[in-house]
């Protein structure tokens, strides 16, 4: 049995309250991981071309303000 299969088995045994707590924890954990990935992409310059394109579009009048 793999780790994932063991985890799945344990999850099936959770009460409704425990499952709700797990869902909350997973959402928060995933959000933190996403934030770290985004911060690293910004630091590394991976998103620079997207920012440059957005700024150029704004300068060219291709965008509108909300």
PDB file of N, CA and C in Angstrom:
ATOM      1  N   UNK A   1       0.852  -1.183   0.000  1.00  0.00           N
ATOM      2  CA  UNK A   1       0.000   0.000   0.000  1.00  0.00           C
ATOM      3  C   UNK A   1       0.897   1.245   0.000  1.00  0.00           C
ATOM      4  N   UNK A   2       0.591   2.182  -0.893  1.00  0.00           N
ATOM      5  CA  UNK A   2       1.383   3.406  -0.987  1.00  0.00           C
ATOM      6  C   UNK A   2       0.999   4.386   0.120  1.00  0.00           C
ATOM      7  N   UNK A   3       1.831   5.389   0.294  1.00  0.00           N
ATOM      8  CA  UNK A   3       1.525   6.436   1.284  1.00  0.00           C
ATOM      9  C   UNK A   3       0.167   7.076   1.004  1.00  0.00           C
ATOM     10  N   UNK A   4      -0.067   7.380  -0.261  1.00  0.00           N
ATOM     11  CA  UNK A   4      -1.322   8.028  -0.654  1.00  0.00           C
ATOM     12  C   UNK A   4      -2.506   7.133  -0.324  1.00  0.00           C
ATOM     13  N   UNK A   5      -2.376   5.870  -0.616  1.00  0.00           N
ATOM     14  CA  UNK A   5      -3.476   4.943  -0.300  1.00  0.00           C
ATOM     15  C   UNK A   5      -3.741   4.885   1.201  1.00  0.00           C
ATOM     16  N   UNK A   6      -2.682   4.915   1.994  1.00  0.00           N
ATOM     17  CA  UNK A   6      -2.845   4.928   3.455  1.00  0.00           C
ATOM     18  C   UNK A   6      -3.556   6.197   3.914  1.00  0.00           C
ATOM     19  N   UNK A   7      -3.154   7.322   3.337  1.00  0.00           N
ATOM     20  CA  UNK A   7      -3.787   8.605   3.682  1.00  0.00           C
ATOM     21  C   UNK A   7      -5.253   8.586   3.281  1.00  0.00           C
ATOM     22  N   UNK A   8      -5.535   8.086   2.085  1.00  0.00           N
ATOM     23  CA  UNK A   8      -6.926   8.004   1.624  1.00  0.00           C
ATOM     24  C   UNK A   8      -7.767   7.160   2.579  1.00  0.00           C
ATOM     25  N   UNK A   9      -7.200   6.061   3.022  1.00  0.00           N
ATOM     26  CA  UNK A   9      -7.905   5.177   3.948  1.00  0.00           C
ATOM     27  C   UNK A   9      -8.205   5.898   5.268  1.00  0.00           C
ATOM     28  N   UNK A  10      -7.229   6.630   5.765  1.00  0.00           N
ATOM     29  CA  UNK A  10      -7.426   7.372   7.015  1.00  0.00           C
ATOM     30  C   UNK A  10      -8.465   8.483   6.836  1.00  0.00           C
ATOM     31  N   UNK A  11      -8.450   9.128   5.701  1.00  0.00           N
ATOM     32  CA  UNK A  11      -9.416  10.202   5.441  1.00  0.00           C
ATOM     33  C   UNK A  11     -10.835   9.645   5.451  1.00  0.00           C
ATOM     34  N   UNK A  12     -11.016   8.474   4.885  1.00  0.00           N
ATOM     35  CA  UNK A  12     -12.348   7.854   4.871  1.00  0.00           C
ATOM     36  C   UNK A  12     -12.872   7.583   6.280  1.00  0.00           C
ATOM     37  N   UNK A  13     -11.980   7.474   7.240  1.00  0.00           N
ATOM     38  CA  UNK A  13     -12.363   7.184   8.628  1.00  0.00           C
ATOM     39  C   UNK A  13     -12.667   8.454   9.441  1.00  0.00           C
ATOM     40  N   UNK A  14     -12.424   9.606   8.864  1.00  0.00           N
ATOM     41  CA  UNK A  14     -12.630  10.850   9.598  1.00  0.00           C
ATOM     42  C   UNK A  14     -14.113  11.130   9.815  1.00  0.00           C
ATOM     43  N   UNK A  15     -14.395  11.785  10.932  1.00  0.00           N
ATOM     44  CA  UNK A  15     -15.763  12.266  11.178  1.00  0.00           C
ATOM     45  C   UNK A  15     -16.004  13.485  10.292  1.00  0.00           C
ATOM     46  N   UNK A  16     -17.239  13.912  10.211  1.00  0.00           N
ATOM     47  CA  UNK A  16     -17.568  15.099   9.407  1.00  0.00           C
ATOM     48  C   UNK A  16     -16.800  16.322   9.907  1.00  0.00           C
ATOM     49  N   UNK A  17     -16.706  16.455  11.219  1.00  0.00           N
ATOM     50  CA  UNK A  17     -15.986  17.603  11.795  1.00  0.00           C
ATOM     51  C   UNK A  17     -14.496  17.524  11.468  1.00  0.00           C
ATOM     52  N   UNK A  18     -13.921  16.355  11.593  1.00  0.00           N
ATOM     53  CA  UNK A  18     -12.500  16.188  11.280  1.00  0.00           C
ATOM     54  C   UNK A  18     -12.238  16.443   9.793  1.00  0.00           C
ATOM     55  N   UNK A  19     -13.152  15.982   8.949  1.00  0.00           N
ATOM     56  CA  UNK A  19     -13.006  16.207   7.513  1.00  0.00           C
ATOM     57  C   UNK A  19     -13.061  17.698   7.183  1.00  0.00           C
ATOM     58  N   UNK A  20     -13.950  18.423   7.850  1.00  0.00           N
ATOM     59  CA  UNK A  20     -14.033  19.872   7.640  1.00  0.00           C
ATOM     60  C   UNK A  20     -12.723  20.547   8.055  1.00  0.00           C
ATOM     61  N   UNK A  21     -12.162  20.113   9.162  1.00  0.00           N
ATOM     62  CA  UNK A  21     -10.885  20.682   9.624  1.00  0.00           C
ATOM     63  C   UNK A  21      -9.763  20.362   8.641  1.00  0.00           C
ATOM     64  N   UNK A  22      -9.764  19.156   8.108  1.00  0.00           N
ATOM     65  CA  UNK A  22      -8.749  18.772   7.121  1.00  0.00           C
ATOM     66  C   UNK A  22      -8.873  19.616   5.860  1.00  0.00           C
ATOM     67  N   UNK A  23     -10.103  19.814   5.388  1.00  0.00           N
ATOM     68  CA  UNK A  23     -10.314  20.653   4.203  1.00  0.00           C
ATOM     69  C   UNK A  23      -9.786  22.063   4.430  1.00  0.00           C
ATOM     70  N   UNK A  24     -10.066  22.621   5.603  1.00  0.00           N
ATOM     71  CA  UNK A  24      -9.596  23.963   5.940  1.00  0.00           C
ATOM     72  C   UNK A  24      -8.065  23.998   5.932  1.00  0.00           C
ATOM     73  N   UNK A  25      -7.450  23.013   6.552  1.00  0.00           N
ATOM     74  CA  UNK A  25      -5.998  22.953   6.610  1.00  0.00           C
ATOM     75  C   UNK A  25      -5.414  22.844   5.209  1.00  0.00           C
ATOM     76  N   UNK A  26      -6.003  21.985   4.368  1.00  0.00           N
ATOM     77  CA  UNK A  26      -5.498  21.822   3.009  1.00  0.00           C
ATOM     78  C   UNK A  26      -5.611  23.107   2.195  1.00  0.00           C
ATOM     79  N   UNK A  27      -6.721  23.825   2.347  1.00  0.00           N
ATOM     80  CA  UNK A  27      -6.872  25.112   1.634  1.00  0.00           C
ATOM     81  C   UNK A  27      -5.781  26.086   2.054  1.00  0.00           C
ATOM     82  N   UNK A  28      -5.539  26.169   3.372  1.00  0.00           N
ATOM     83  CA  UNK A  28      -4.520  27.093   3.870  1.00  0.00           C
ATOM     84  C   UNK A  28      -3.123  26.665   3.430  1.00  0.00           C
ATOM     85  N   UNK A  29      -2.860  25.385   3.495  1.00  0.00           N
ATOM     86  CA  UNK A  29      -1.564  24.851   3.079  1.00  0.00           C
ATOM     87  C   UNK A  29      -1.320  25.123   1.596  1.00  0.00           C
ATOM     88  N   UNK A  30      -2.332  24.867   0.784  1.00  0.00           N
ATOM     89  CA  UNK A  30      -2.224  25.090  -0.659  1.00  0.00           C
ATOM     90  C   UNK A  30      -2.031  26.575  -0.970  1.00  0.00           C
ATOM     91  N   UNK A  31      -2.737  27.436  -0.259  1.00  0.00           N
ATOM     92  CA  UNK A  31      -2.598  28.882  -0.473  1.00  0.00           C
ATOM     93  C   UNK A  31      -1.182  29.344  -0.134  1.00  0.00           C
ATOM     94  N   UNK A  32      -0.631  28.822   0.950  1.00  0.00           N
ATOM     95  CA  UNK A  32       0.739  29.190   1.325  1.00  0.00           C
ATOM     96  C   UNK A  32       1.737  28.720   0.271  1.00  0.00           C
ATOM     97  N   UNK A  33       1.542  27.500  -0.218  1.00  0.00           N
ATOM     98  CA  UNK A  33       2.443  26.968  -1.253  1.00  0.00           C
ATOM     99  C   UNK A  33       2.351  27.818  -2.519  1.00  0.00           C
ATOM    100  N   UNK A  34       1.133  28.217  -2.886  1.00  0.00           N
ATOM    101  CA  UNK A  34       0.927  29.063  -4.068  1.00  0.00           C
ATOM    102  C   UNK A  34       1.622  30.405  -3.883  1.00  0.00           C
ATOM    103  N   UNK A  35       1.477  31.004  -2.701  1.00  0.00           N
ATOM    104  CA  UNK A  35       2.119  32.286  -2.418  1.00  0.00           C
ATOM    105  C   UNK A  35       3.631  32.178  -2.553  1.00  0.00           C
ATOM    106  N   UNK A  36       4.210  31.116  -1.999  1.00  0.00           N
ATOM    107  CA  UNK A  36       5.660  30.932  -2.093  1.00  0.00           C
ATOM    108  C   UNK A  36       6.111  30.753  -3.539  1.00  0.00           C
ATOM    109  N   UNK A  37       5.351  29.998  -4.311  1.00  0.00           N
ATOM    110  CA  UNK A  37       5.688  29.800  -5.721  1.00  0.00           C
ATOM    111  C   UNK A  37       5.610  31.114  -6.491  1.00  0.00           C
ATOM    112  N   UNK A  38       4.585  31.892  -6.239  1.00  0.00           N
ATOM    113  CA  UNK A  38       4.438  33.176  -6.915  1.00  0.00           C
ATOM    114  C   UNK A  38       5.578  34.124  -6.537  1.00  0.00           C
ATOM    115  N   UNK A  39       5.902  34.174  -5.244  1.00  0.00           N
ATOM    116  CA  UNK A  39       7.005  35.038  -4.801  1.00  0.00           C
ATOM    117  C   UNK A  39       8.318  34.642  -5.473  1.00  0.00           C
ATOM    118  N   UNK A  40       8.572  33.347  -5.582  1.00  0.00           N
ATOM    119  CA  UNK A  40       9.794  32.878  -6.236  1.00  0.00           C
ATOM    120  C   UNK A  40       9.785  33.226  -7.720  1.00  0.00           C
ATOM    121  N   UNK A  41       8.637  33.085  -8.368  1.00  0.00           N
ATOM    122  CA  UNK A  41       8.539  33.456  -9.782  1.00  0.00           C
ATOM    123  C   UNK A  41       8.806  34.942  -9.982  1.00  0.00           C
ATOM    124  N   UNK A  42       8.323  35.780  -9.083  1.00  0.00           N
ATOM    125  CA  UNK A  42       8.559  37.225  -9.167  1.00  0.00           C
ATOM    126  C   UNK A  42      10.042  37.506  -8.967  1.00  0.00           C
ATOM    127  N   UNK A  43      10.632  36.909  -7.918  1.00  0.00           N
ATOM    128  CA  UNK A  43      12.059  37.132  -7.626  1.00  0.00           C
ATOM    129  C   UNK A  43      12.954  36.691  -8.782  1.00  0.00           C
ATOM    130  N   UNK A  44      12.618  35.586  -9.396  1.00  0.00           N
ATOM    131  CA  UNK A  44      13.469  35.030 -10.457  1.00  0.00           C
ATOM    132  C   UNK A  44      13.299  35.755 -11.788  1.00  0.00           C
ATOM    133  N   UNK A  45      12.269  36.626 -11.881  1.00  0.00           N
ATOM    134  CA  UNK A  45      12.037  37.345 -13.132  1.00  0.00           C
ATOM    135  C   UNK A  45      11.163  36.576 -14.105  1.00  0.00           C
ATOM    136  N   UNK A  46      10.643  35.449 -13.668  1.00  0.00           N
ATOM    137  CA  UNK A  46       9.843  34.599 -14.551  1.00  0.00           C
ATOM    138  C   UNK A  46       8.602  35.321 -15.084  1.00  0.00           C
ATOM    139  N   UNK A  47       8.106  36.300 -14.335  1.00  0.00           N
ATOM    140  CA  UNK A  47       6.887  37.007 -14.731  1.00  0.00           C
ATOM    141  C   UNK A  47       7.151  38.367 -15.379  1.00  0.00           C
ATOM    142  N   UNK A  48       8.419  38.706 -15.536  1.00  0.00           N
ATOM    143  CA  UNK A  48       8.763  40.022 -16.079  1.00  0.00           C
ATOM    144  C   UNK A  48       8.161  40.268 -17.462  1.00  0.00           C
ATOM    145  N   UNK A  49       8.187  39.267 -18.320  1.00  0.00           N
ATOM    146  CA  UNK A  49       7.663  39.469 -19.673  1.00  0.00           C
ATOM    147  C   UNK A  49       6.157  39.734 -19.640  1.00  0.00           C
ATOM    148  N   UNK A  50       5.439  39.097 -18.720  1.00  0.00           N
ATOM    149  CA  UNK A  50       4.000  39.353 -18.593  1.00  0.00           C
ATOM    150  C   UNK A  50       3.742  40.774 -18.100  1.00  0.00           C
ATOM    151  N   UNK A  51       4.533  41.214 -17.118  1.00  0.00           N
ATOM    152  CA  UNK A  51       4.384  42.570 -16.602  1.00  0.00           C
ATOM    153  C   UNK A  51       4.713  43.591 -17.686  1.00  0.00           C
ATOM    154  N   UNK A  52       5.775  43.337 -18.427  1.00  0.00           N
ATOM    155  CA  UNK A  52       6.160  44.251 -19.515  1.00  0.00           C
ATOM    156  C   UNK A  52       5.055  44.345 -20.564  1.00  0.00           C
ATOM    157  N   UNK A  53       4.457  43.203 -20.917  1.00  0.00           N
ATOM    158  CA  UNK A  53       3.379  43.197 -21.917  1.00  0.00           C
ATOM    159  C   UNK A  53       2.164  43.955 -21.398  1.00  0.00           C
ATOM    160  N   UNK A  54       1.848  43.793 -20.124  1.00  0.00           N
ATOM    161  CA  UNK A  54       0.702  44.498 -19.552  1.00  0.00           C
ATOM    162  C   UNK A  54       0.949  46.005 -19.536  1.00  0.00           C
ATOM    163  N   UNK A  55       2.149  46.419 -19.169  1.00  0.00           N
ATOM    164  CA  UNK A  55       2.481  47.848 -19.158  1.00  0.00           C
ATOM    165  C   UNK A  55       2.458  48.438 -20.566  1.00  0.00           C
ATOM    166  N   UNK A  56       2.957  47.680 -21.518  1.00  0.00           N
ATOM    167  CA  UNK A  56       2.947  48.161 -22.901  1.00  0.00           C
ATOM    168  C   UNK A  56       1.511  48.288 -23.398  1.00  0.00           C
ATOM    169  N   UNK A  57       0.671  47.328 -23.077  1.00  0.00           N
ATOM    170  CA  UNK A  57      -0.736  47.401 -23.451  1.00  0.00           C
ATOM    171  C   UNK A  57      -1.411  48.611 -22.841  1.00  0.00           C
ATOM    172  N   UNK A  58      -1.077  48.915 -21.599  1.00  0.00           N
ATOM    173  CA  UNK A  58      -1.637  50.095 -20.940  1.00  0.00           C
ATOM    174  C   UNK A  58      -1.176  51.369 -21.651  1.00  0.00           C
ATOM    175  N   UNK A  59       0.110  51.446 -21.942  1.00  0.00           N
ATOM    176  CA  UNK A  59       0.650  52.622 -22.638  1.00  0.00           C
ATOM    177  C   UNK A  59       0.029  52.803 -24.020  1.00  0.00           C
ATOM    178  N   UNK A  60      -0.316  51.698 -24.664  1.00  0.00           N
ATOM    179  CA  UNK A  60      -0.917  51.739 -25.995  1.00  0.00           C
ATOM    180  C   UNK A  60      -2.420  51.968 -25.950  1.00  0.00           C
ATOM    181  N   UNK A  61      -2.975  52.147 -24.753  1.00  0.00           N
ATOM    182  CA  UNK A  61      -4.410  52.372 -24.617  1.00  0.00           C
ATOM    183  C   UNK A  61      -5.253  51.111 -24.814  1.00  0.00           C
ATOM    184  N   UNK A  62      -4.660  49.962 -24.625  1.00  0.00           N
ATOM    185  CA  UNK A  62      -5.356  48.699 -24.849  1.00  0.00           C
ATOM    186  C   UNK A  62      -6.034  48.166 -23.579  1.00  0.00           C
ATOM    187  N   UNK A  63      -6.060  48.965 -22.530  1.00  0.00           N
ATOM    188  CA  UNK A  63      -6.695  48.518 -21.288  1.00  0.00           C
ATOM    189  C   UNK A  63      -7.577  49.635 -20.744  1.00  0.00           C
ATOM    190  N   UNK A  64      -8.436  49.266 -19.851  1.00  0.00           N
ATOM    191  CA  UNK A  64      -9.317  50.245 -19.239  1.00  0.00           C
ATOM    192  C   UNK A  64      -9.264  50.119 -17.733  1.00  0.00           C
ATOM    193  N   UNK A  65      -9.597  51.186 -17.041  1.00  0.00           N
ATOM    194  CA  UNK A  65      -9.650  51.151 -15.578  1.00  0.00           C
ATOM    195  C   UNK A  65     -11.053  50.730 -15.145  1.00  0.00           C
ATOM    196  N   UNK A  66     -11.122  50.100 -14.010  1.00  0.00           N
ATOM    197  CA  UNK A  66     -12.410  49.678 -13.468  1.00  0.00           C
ATOM    198  C   UNK A  66     -13.064  50.815 -12.720  1.00  0.00           C
TER     199      UNK A  66
END
